Amino acid sequence: MGSLGMSEGVHRQILFTTVGWFVGYHLIKRSEYIHAKRDRELLEYVRQHPEDFKIQEKKKIGELLEDFYPVR
């Protein structure tokens, strides 16, 4: 038993909090880098192959929805 009672593990809590923040920060940065790299590669592919990604004409909402027939 320590003489300080409840404050014995405070240094561990601070250490684990700091380590957790540091690891989490770098994992998020790596994840953002991987997603940005993938986005860059996909946009480059779309730019180089426009025939595979033709722009469709816009439809009105009435053309998208089916006719409504109320059920009685």
PDB file of N, CA and C in Angstrom:
ATOM      1  N   MET A   1       0.835  -1.179   0.000  1.00  0.00           N
ATOM      2  CA  MET A   1       0.000   0.000   0.000  1.00  0.00           C
ATOM      3  C   MET A   1       0.877   1.238   0.000  1.00  0.00           C
ATOM      4  N   GLY A   2       0.481   2.179  -0.833  1.00  0.00           N
ATOM      5  CA  GLY A   2       1.220   3.436  -0.885  1.00  0.00           C
ATOM      6  C   GLY A   2       0.702   4.409   0.148  1.00  0.00           C
ATOM      7  N   SER A   3       1.506   5.362   0.448  1.00  0.00           N
ATOM      8  CA  SER A   3       1.109   6.342   1.451  1.00  0.00           C
ATOM      9  C   SER A   3       0.252   7.453   0.851  1.00  0.00           C
ATOM     10  N   LEU A   4       0.160   7.505  -0.493  1.00  0.00           N
ATOM     11  CA  LEU A   4      -0.579   8.587  -1.129  1.00  0.00           C
ATOM     12  C   LEU A   4      -2.034   8.226  -1.411  1.00  0.00           C
ATOM     13  N   GLY A   5      -2.392   6.985  -1.264  1.00  0.00           N
ATOM     14  CA  GLY A   5      -3.786   6.576  -1.439  1.00  0.00           C
ATOM     15  C   GLY A   5      -4.231   6.609  -2.886  1.00  0.00           C
ATOM     16  N   MET A   6      -5.184   7.485  -3.245  1.00  0.00           N
ATOM     17  CA  MET A   6      -5.805   7.503  -4.568  1.00  0.00           C
ATOM     18  C   MET A   6      -4.887   8.030  -5.660  1.00  0.00           C
ATOM     19  N   SER A   7      -3.860   8.769  -5.330  1.00  0.00           N
ATOM     20  CA  SER A   7      -3.033   9.389  -6.364  1.00  0.00           C
ATOM     21  C   SER A   7      -1.865   8.516  -6.798  1.00  0.00           C
ATOM     22  N   GLU A   8      -1.854   7.249  -6.381  1.00  0.00           N
ATOM     23  CA  GLU A   8      -0.755   6.371  -6.752  1.00  0.00           C
ATOM     24  C   GLU A   8      -0.657   6.156  -8.261  1.00  0.00           C
ATOM     25  N   GLY A   9      -1.786   5.945  -8.918  1.00  0.00           N
ATOM     26  CA  GLY A   9      -1.773   5.595 -10.329  1.00  0.00           C
ATOM     27  C   GLY A   9      -1.944   6.768 -11.268  1.00  0.00           C
ATOM     28  N   VAL A  10      -1.873   7.998 -10.763  1.00  0.00           N
ATOM     29  CA  VAL A  10      -2.088   9.162 -11.614  1.00  0.00           C
ATOM     30  C   VAL A  10      -1.013   9.251 -12.692  1.00  0.00           C
ATOM     31  N   HIS A  11       0.230   8.946 -12.338  1.00  0.00           N
ATOM     32  CA  HIS A  11       1.295   9.018 -13.340  1.00  0.00           C
ATOM     33  C   HIS A  11       1.071   8.011 -14.465  1.00  0.00           C
ATOM     34  N   ARG A  12       0.510   6.832 -14.107  1.00  0.00           N
ATOM     35  CA  ARG A  12       0.201   5.839 -15.145  1.00  0.00           C
ATOM     36  C   ARG A  12      -0.924   6.329 -16.035  1.00  0.00           C
ATOM     37  N   GLN A  13      -1.945   6.927 -15.436  1.00  0.00           N
ATOM     38  CA  GLN A  13      -3.064   7.445 -16.221  1.00  0.00           C
ATOM     39  C   GLN A  13      -2.588   8.525 -17.187  1.00  0.00           C
ATOM     40  N   ILE A  14      -1.735   9.397 -16.726  1.00  0.00           N
ATOM     41  CA  ILE A  14      -1.189  10.452 -17.593  1.00  0.00           C
ATOM     42  C   ILE A  14      -0.355   9.832 -18.704  1.00  0.00           C
ATOM     43  N   LEU A  15       0.461   8.835 -18.358  1.00  0.00           N
ATOM     44  CA  LEU A  15       1.298   8.167 -19.357  1.00  0.00           C
ATOM     45  C   LEU A  15       0.436   7.469 -20.407  1.00  0.00           C
ATOM     46  N   PHE A  16      -0.556   6.690 -19.970  1.00  0.00           N
ATOM     47  CA  PHE A  16      -1.405   5.965 -20.922  1.00  0.00           C
ATOM     48  C   PHE A  16      -2.244   6.916 -21.767  1.00  0.00           C
ATOM     49  N   THR A  17      -2.697   8.005 -21.170  1.00  0.00           N
ATOM     50  CA  THR A  17      -3.454   9.001 -21.929  1.00  0.00           C
ATOM     51  C   THR A  17      -2.577   9.617 -23.008  1.00  0.00           C
ATOM     52  N   THR A  18      -1.368   9.964 -22.659  1.00  0.00           N
ATOM     53  CA  THR A  18      -0.432  10.559 -23.619  1.00  0.00           C
ATOM     54  C   THR A  18      -0.089   9.575 -24.734  1.00  0.00           C
ATOM     55  N   VAL A  19       0.203   8.346 -24.366  1.00  0.00           N
ATOM     56  CA  VAL A  19       0.530   7.323 -25.372  1.00  0.00           C
ATOM     57  C   VAL A  19      -0.679   7.065 -26.277  1.00  0.00           C
ATOM     58  N   GLY A  20      -1.859   6.966 -25.695  1.00  0.00           N
ATOM     59  CA  GLY A  20      -3.071   6.736 -26.481  1.00  0.00           C
ATOM     60  C   GLY A  20      -3.344   7.874 -27.444  1.00  0.00           C
ATOM     61  N   TRP A  21      -3.176   9.106 -26.987  1.00  0.00           N
ATOM     62  CA  TRP A  21      -3.383  10.265 -27.863  1.00  0.00           C
ATOM     63  C   TRP A  21      -2.371  10.241 -29.003  1.00  0.00           C
ATOM     64  N   PHE A  22      -1.106   9.968 -28.691  1.00  0.00           N
ATOM     65  CA  PHE A  22      -0.043   9.948 -29.703  1.00  0.00           C
ATOM     66  C   PHE A  22      -0.308   8.875 -30.761  1.00  0.00           C
ATOM     67  N   VAL A  23      -0.648   7.674 -30.321  1.00  0.00           N
ATOM     68  CA  VAL A  23      -0.915   6.575 -31.261  1.00  0.00           C
ATOM     69  C   VAL A  23      -2.165   6.884 -32.089  1.00  0.00           C
ATOM     70  N   GLY A  24      -3.222   7.365 -31.446  1.00  0.00           N
ATOM     71  CA  GLY A  24      -4.445   7.699 -32.161  1.00  0.00           C
ATOM     72  C   GLY A  24      -4.234   8.788 -33.194  1.00  0.00           C
ATOM     73  N   TYR A  25      -3.462   9.803 -32.839  1.00  0.00           N
ATOM     74  CA  TYR A  25      -3.166  10.903 -33.755  1.00  0.00           C
ATOM     75  C   TYR A  25      -2.483  10.379 -35.017  1.00  0.00           C
ATOM     76  N   HIS A  26      -1.486   9.519 -34.848  1.00  0.00           N
ATOM     77  CA  HIS A  26      -0.760   9.007 -36.003  1.00  0.00           C
ATOM     78  C   HIS A  26      -1.577   8.008 -36.813  1.00  0.00           C
ATOM     79  N   LEU A  27      -2.451   7.242 -36.159  1.00  0.00           N
ATOM     80  CA  LEU A  27      -3.333   6.338 -36.907  1.00  0.00           C
ATOM     81  C   LEU A  27      -4.327   7.129 -37.767  1.00  0.00           C
ATOM     82  N   ILE A  28      -4.855   8.217 -37.220  1.00  0.00           N
ATOM     83  CA  ILE A  28      -5.772   9.053 -37.997  1.00  0.00           C
ATOM     84  C   ILE A  28      -5.050   9.695 -39.176  1.00  0.00           C
ATOM     85  N   LYS A  29      -3.841  10.198 -38.948  1.00  0.00           N
ATOM     86  CA  LYS A  29      -3.071  10.806 -40.042  1.00  0.00           C
ATOM     87  C   LYS A  29      -2.768   9.777 -41.132  1.00  0.00           C
ATOM     88  N   ARG A  30      -2.421   8.563 -40.745  1.00  0.00           N
ATOM     89  CA  ARG A  30      -2.137   7.520 -41.737  1.00  0.00           C
ATOM     90  C   ARG A  30      -3.402   7.171 -42.520  1.00  0.00           C
ATOM     91  N   SER A  31      -4.527   7.066 -41.825  1.00  0.00           N
ATOM     92  CA  SER A  31      -5.791   6.776 -42.482  1.00  0.00           C
ATOM     93  C   SER A  31      -6.149   7.875 -43.485  1.00  0.00           C
ATOM     94  N   GLU A  32      -5.981   9.137 -43.094  1.00  0.00           N
ATOM     95  CA  GLU A  32      -6.255  10.252 -44.004  1.00  0.00           C
ATOM     96  C   GLU A  32      -5.331  10.208 -45.217  1.00  0.00           C
ATOM     97  N   TYR A  33      -4.060   9.856 -45.013  1.00  0.00           N
ATOM     98  CA  TYR A  33      -3.110   9.755 -46.121  1.00  0.00           C
ATOM     99  C   TYR A  33      -3.533   8.651 -47.093  1.00  0.00           C
ATOM    100  N   ILE A  34      -3.915   7.501 -46.567  1.00  0.00           N
ATOM    101  CA  ILE A  34      -4.308   6.376 -47.428  1.00  0.00           C
ATOM    102  C   ILE A  34      -5.551   6.743 -48.234  1.00  0.00           C
ATOM    103  N   HIS A  35      -6.546   7.386 -47.590  1.00  0.00           N
ATOM    104  CA  HIS A  35      -7.756   7.766 -48.317  1.00  0.00           C
ATOM    105  C   HIS A  35      -7.466   8.842 -49.359  1.00  0.00           C
ATOM    106  N   ALA A  36      -6.601   9.799 -49.041  1.00  0.00           N
ATOM    107  CA  ALA A  36      -6.259  10.841 -50.006  1.00  0.00           C
ATOM    108  C   ALA A  36      -5.520  10.241 -51.200  1.00  0.00           C
ATOM    109  N   LYS A  37      -4.646   9.292 -50.939  1.00  0.00           N
ATOM    110  CA  LYS A  37      -3.901   8.633 -52.023  1.00  0.00           C
ATOM    111  C   LYS A  37      -4.865   7.868 -52.934  1.00  0.00           C
ATOM    112  N   ARG A  38      -5.809   7.145 -52.328  1.00  0.00           N
ATOM    113  CA  ARG A  38      -6.787   6.393 -53.111  1.00  0.00           C
ATOM    114  C   ARG A  38      -7.661   7.336 -53.937  1.00  0.00           C
ATOM    115  N   ASP A  39      -8.107   8.435 -53.332  1.00  0.00           N
ATOM    116  CA  ASP A  39      -8.907   9.417 -54.068  1.00  0.00           C
ATOM    117  C   ASP A  39      -8.142   9.982 -55.253  1.00  0.00           C
ATOM    118  N   ARG A  40      -6.864  10.304 -55.028  1.00  0.00           N
ATOM    119  CA  ARG A  40      -6.027  10.855 -56.100  1.00  0.00           C
ATOM    120  C   ARG A  40      -5.891   9.856 -57.246  1.00  0.00           C
ATOM    121  N   GLU A  41      -5.670   8.577 -56.910  1.00  0.00           N
ATOM    122  CA  GLU A  41      -5.524   7.549 -57.948  1.00  0.00           C
ATOM    123  C   GLU A  41      -6.831   7.350 -58.717  1.00  0.00           C
ATOM    124  N   LEU A  42      -7.963   7.336 -58.006  1.00  0.00           N
ATOM    125  CA  LEU A  42      -9.247   7.144 -58.679  1.00  0.00           C
ATOM    126  C   LEU A  42      -9.589   8.325 -59.583  1.00  0.00           C
ATOM    127  N   LEU A  43      -9.352   9.549 -59.105  1.00  0.00           N
ATOM    128  CA  LEU A  43      -9.633  10.719 -59.939  1.00  0.00           C
ATOM    129  C   LEU A  43      -8.733  10.762 -61.168  1.00  0.00           C
ATOM    130  N   GLU A  44      -7.498  10.340 -61.014  1.00  0.00           N
ATOM    131  CA  GLU A  44      -6.586  10.278 -62.157  1.00  0.00           C
ATOM    132  C   GLU A  44      -7.076   9.234 -63.173  1.00  0.00           C
ATOM    133  N   TYR A  45      -7.568   8.085 -62.687  1.00  0.00           N
ATOM    134  CA  TYR A  45      -8.099   7.058 -63.578  1.00  0.00           C
ATOM    135  C   TYR A  45      -9.325   7.576 -64.333  1.00  0.00           C
ATOM    136  N   VAL A  46     -10.214   8.254 -63.627  1.00  0.00           N
ATOM    137  CA  VAL A  46     -11.418   8.803 -64.258  1.00  0.00           C
ATOM    138  C   VAL A  46     -11.017   9.831 -65.317  1.00  0.00           C
ATOM    139  N   ARG A  47     -10.007  10.634 -65.018  1.00  0.00           N
ATOM    140  CA  ARG A  47      -9.558  11.651 -65.971  1.00  0.00           C
ATOM    141  C   ARG A  47      -8.950  11.007 -67.220  1.00  0.00           C
ATOM    142  N   GLN A  48      -8.252   9.897 -67.055  1.00  0.00           N
ATOM    143  CA  GLN A  48      -7.602   9.241 -68.190  1.00  0.00           C
ATOM    144  C   GLN A  48      -8.556   8.355 -68.995  1.00  0.00           C
ATOM    145  N   HIS A  49      -9.694   7.970 -68.422  1.00  0.00           N
ATOM    146  CA  HIS A  49     -10.647   7.091 -69.106  1.00  0.00           C
ATOM    147  C   HIS A  49     -12.046   7.697 -69.098  1.00  0.00           C
ATOM    148  N   PRO A  50     -12.249   8.814 -69.768  1.00  0.00           N
ATOM    149  CA  PRO A  50     -13.570   9.457 -69.742  1.00  0.00           C
ATOM    150  C   PRO A  50     -14.660   8.623 -70.424  1.00  0.00           C
ATOM    151  N   GLU A  51     -14.288   7.729 -71.333  1.00  0.00           N
ATOM    152  CA  GLU A  51     -15.296   6.922 -72.026  1.00  0.00           C
ATOM    153  C   GLU A  51     -15.990   5.944 -71.069  1.00  0.00           C
ATOM    154  N   ASP A  52     -15.344   5.586 -69.968  1.00  0.00           N
ATOM    155  CA  ASP A  52     -15.952   4.685 -68.994  1.00  0.00           C
ATOM    156  C   ASP A  52     -16.896   5.411 -68.038  1.00  0.00           C
ATOM    157  N   PHE A  53     -16.830   6.741 -68.007  1.00  0.00           N
ATOM    158  CA  PHE A  53     -17.615   7.525 -67.051  1.00  0.00           C
ATOM    159  C   PHE A  53     -18.362   8.638 -67.771  1.00  0.00           C
ATOM    160  N   LYS A  54     -19.324   8.242 -68.588  1.00  0.00           N
ATOM    161  CA  LYS A  54     -20.101   9.219 -69.340  1.00  0.00           C
ATOM    162  C   LYS A  54     -21.084   9.925 -68.409  1.00  0.00           C
ATOM    163  N   ILE A  55     -21.288  11.201 -68.649  1.00  0.00           N
ATOM    164  CA  ILE A  55     -22.222  11.982 -67.854  1.00  0.00           C
ATOM    165  C   ILE A  55     -23.628  11.743 -68.391  1.00  0.00           C
ATOM    166  N   GLN A  56     -24.517  11.307 -67.514  1.00  0.00           N
ATOM    167  CA  GLN A  56     -25.889  11.010 -67.917  1.00  0.00           C
ATOM    168  C   GLN A  56     -26.710  12.290 -67.887  1.00  0.00           C
ATOM    169  N   GLU A  57     -27.735  12.309 -68.751  1.00  0.00           N
ATOM    170  CA  GLU A  57     -28.606  13.481 -68.751  1.00  0.00           C
ATOM    171  C   GLU A  57     -29.442  13.488 -67.480  1.00  0.00           C
ATOM    172  N   LYS A  58     -29.757  14.676 -67.009  1.00  0.00           N
ATOM    173  CA  LYS A  58     -30.532  14.803 -65.780  1.00  0.00           C
ATOM    174  C   LYS A  58     -31.998  14.513 -66.056  1.00  0.00           C
ATOM    175  N   LYS A  59     -32.609  13.761 -65.146  1.00  0.00           N
ATOM    176  CA  LYS A  59     -34.017  13.421 -65.277  1.00  0.00           C
ATOM    177  C   LYS A  59     -34.816  14.249 -64.280  1.00  0.00           C
ATOM    178  N   LYS A  60     -36.054  14.504 -64.639  1.00  0.00           N
ATOM    179  CA  LYS A  60     -36.949  15.190 -63.717  1.00  0.00           C
ATOM    180  C   LYS A  60     -37.476  14.188 -62.708  1.00  0.00           C
ATOM    181  N   ILE A  61     -37.931  14.679 -61.584  1.00  0.00           N
ATOM    182  CA  ILE A  61     -38.393  13.783 -60.523  1.00  0.00           C
ATOM    183  C   ILE A  61     -39.598  12.966 -60.971  1.00  0.00           C
ATOM    184  N   GLY A  62     -40.415  13.512 -61.849  1.00  0.00           N
ATOM    185  CA  GLY A  62     -41.568  12.771 -62.351  1.00  0.00           C
ATOM    186  C   GLY A  62     -41.165  11.573 -63.190  1.00  0.00           C
ATOM    187  N   GLU A  63     -40.027  11.629 -63.823  1.00  0.00           N
ATOM    188  CA  GLU A  63     -39.539  10.501 -64.620  1.00  0.00           C
ATOM    189  C   GLU A  63     -38.945   9.401 -63.739  1.00  0.00           C
ATOM    190  N   LEU A  64     -38.503   9.757 -62.550  1.00  0.00           N
ATOM    191  CA  LEU A  64     -37.892   8.774 -61.662  1.00  0.00           C
ATOM    192  C   LEU A  64     -38.926   7.991 -60.864  1.00  0.00           C
ATOM    193  N   LEU A  65     -40.020   8.654 -60.494  1.00  0.00           N
ATOM    194  CA  LEU A  65     -41.032   8.007 -59.655  1.00  0.00           C
ATOM    195  C   LEU A  65     -42.051   7.251 -60.496  1.00  0.00           C
ATOM    196  N   GLU A  66     -42.580   6.187 -59.910  1.00  0.00           N
ATOM    197  CA  GLU A  66     -43.646   5.441 -60.579  1.00  0.00           C
ATOM    198  C   GLU A  66     -44.967   6.195 -60.413  1.00  0.00           C
ATOM    199  N   ASP A  67     -45.911   5.888 -61.281  1.00  0.00           N
ATOM    200  CA  ASP A  67     -47.230   6.513 -61.163  1.00  0.00           C
ATOM    201  C   ASP A  67     -47.886   6.063 -59.860  1.00  0.00           C
ATOM    202  N   PHE A  68     -48.608   6.988 -59.238  1.00  0.00           N
ATOM    203  CA  PHE A  68     -49.263   6.701 -57.955  1.00  0.00           C
ATOM    204  C   PHE A  68     -50.726   6.352 -58.193  1.00  0.00           C
ATOM    205  N   TYR A  69     -51.122   5.178 -57.735  1.00  0.00           N
ATOM    206  CA  TYR A  69     -52.499   4.734 -57.807  1.00  0.00           C
ATOM    207  C   TYR A  69     -52.961   4.422 -56.387  1.00  0.00           C
ATOM    208  N   PRO A  70     -53.854   5.237 -55.835  1.00  0.00           N
ATOM    209  CA  PRO A  70     -54.281   4.994 -54.442  1.00  0.00           C
ATOM    210  C   PRO A  70     -55.060   3.691 -54.313  1.00  0.00           C
ATOM    211  N   VAL A  71     -54.834   2.992 -53.219  1.00  0.00           N
ATOM    212  CA  VAL A  71     -55.529   1.734 -52.948  1.00  0.00           C
ATOM    213  C   VAL A  71     -56.659   2.029 -51.985  1.00  0.00           C
ATOM    214  N   ARG A  72     -57.876   1.589 -52.364  1.00  0.00           N
ATOM    215  CA  ARG A  72     -59.021   1.861 -51.492  1.00  0.00           C
ATOM    216  C   ARG A  72     -59.526   0.602 -50.861  1.00  0.00           C
TER     217      ARG A  72
END
